[in-house]
Amino acid sequence: MHIATSADGYIARPDGDLEWLTKRRAPKGFYGIGKFMNSIDTKLLGRKTYDLSVQMGAKFDTKNSALRLLSSASAGVGASGC
């Protein structure tokens, strides 16, 4: 399991700011996340986390692993069906 969280148990400030997480420079190898992500067969992400990750340039390999998005909102028309 991989979870990014601050000491108070939240990933973002009440206004959605993630500066504590995005401001610091990523180390070489990015904490081994790439190797870890390639080793699992299913990824579960909250919808807001997924959307923000994509905005920040994340790529999700759906050929070699399943991707499931969790949301409290209904999918609606035109949902991607991840």
Protein backbone atom coordinates (compact mmCIF):
# COMPACT_ATOMS: atom_id res chain seq x y z
CA MET A 1 0.00 0.00 0.00
CA HIS A 2 1.24 3.48 -0.86
CA ILE A 3 -0.33 6.51 0.76
CA ALA A 4 0.88 10.10 0.69
CA THR A 5 -0.30 11.95 3.78
CA SER A 6 0.83 14.69 6.12
CA ALA A 7 1.40 14.19 9.85
CA ASP A 8 -2.20 15.21 10.60
CA GLY A 9 -3.58 12.47 8.34
CA TYR A 10 -4.64 14.61 5.40
CA ILE A 11 -3.23 14.85 1.90
CA ALA A 12 -4.38 18.43 1.23
CA ARG A 13 -5.12 21.53 3.20
CA PRO A 14 -8.81 22.52 3.59
CA ASP A 15 -8.49 24.71 0.47
CA GLY A 16 -7.06 21.79 -1.54
CA ASP A 17 -3.46 23.05 -1.48
CA LEU A 18 -0.77 20.35 -1.83
CA GLU A 19 2.31 22.56 -1.56
CA TRP A 20 3.79 20.52 1.30
CA LEU A 21 3.89 17.57 -1.10
CA THR A 22 4.67 19.22 -4.44
CA LYS A 23 7.11 21.97 -3.41
CA ARG A 24 9.98 19.67 -2.47
CA ARG A 25 12.22 18.25 -5.18
CA ALA A 26 11.71 14.55 -5.84
CA PRO A 27 14.79 12.44 -5.11
CA LYS A 28 16.46 10.20 -7.70
CA GLY A 29 14.28 7.14 -8.12
CA PHE A 30 11.28 8.98 -6.61
CA TYR A 31 11.22 6.77 -3.51
CA GLY A 32 10.91 3.63 -5.63
CA ILE A 33 7.33 4.47 -6.62
CA GLY A 34 7.79 3.50 -10.29
CA LYS A 35 9.06 0.03 -9.41
CA PHE A 36 6.30 -0.38 -6.83
CA MET A 37 3.55 0.75 -9.24
CA ASN A 38 4.79 -1.76 -11.82
CA SER A 39 4.62 -4.56 -9.25
CA ILE A 40 0.90 -4.30 -8.42
CA ASP A 41 -2.06 -5.49 -10.48
CA THR A 42 -4.79 -3.10 -9.28
CA LYS A 43 -4.70 0.60 -8.41
CA LEU A 44 -7.50 2.19 -6.36
CA LEU A 45 -7.63 5.99 -6.43
CA GLY A 46 -10.09 8.58 -5.28
CA ARG A 47 -11.49 10.59 -8.18
CA LYS A 48 -9.99 13.90 -6.98
CA THR A 49 -6.59 12.28 -6.49
CA TYR A 50 -6.75 10.79 -9.98
CA ASP A 51 -7.75 14.10 -11.58
CA LEU A 52 -4.98 16.00 -9.79
CA SER A 53 -2.41 13.31 -10.60
CA VAL A 54 -3.24 13.54 -14.29
CA GLN A 55 -2.98 17.36 -14.13
CA MET A 56 0.48 16.94 -12.59
CA GLY A 57 1.57 14.62 -15.41
CA ALA A 58 0.94 11.15 -13.98
CA LYS A 59 0.46 8.29 -16.43
CA PHE A 60 -1.51 5.18 -15.49
CA ASP A 61 -0.72 1.91 -17.27
CA THR A 62 -4.10 0.25 -17.76
CA LYS A 63 -2.74 -2.49 -20.06
CA ASN A 64 -0.83 -4.26 -17.29
CA SER A 65 -2.92 -3.34 -14.26
CA ALA A 66 -6.51 -2.46 -13.42
CA LEU A 67 -7.37 1.10 -12.43
CA ARG A 68 -10.46 1.72 -10.30
CA LEU A 69 -11.62 5.21 -9.35
CA LEU A 70 -13.65 5.78 -6.21
CA SER A 71 -16.07 8.67 -5.86
CA SER A 72 -19.06 9.68 -3.80
CA ALA A 73 -20.64 11.19 -6.95
CA SER A 74 -22.41 9.16 -9.62
CA ALA A 75 -20.52 8.60 -12.86
CA GLY A 76 -23.03 10.35 -15.11
CA VAL A 77 -23.05 10.48 -18.89
CA GLY A 78 -19.66 10.28 -20.61
CA ALA A 79 -17.82 8.69 -17.68
CA SER A 80 -14.57 7.08 -18.67
CA GLY A 81 -15.45 3.70 -17.18
CA CYS A 82 -12.01 3.12 -15.63
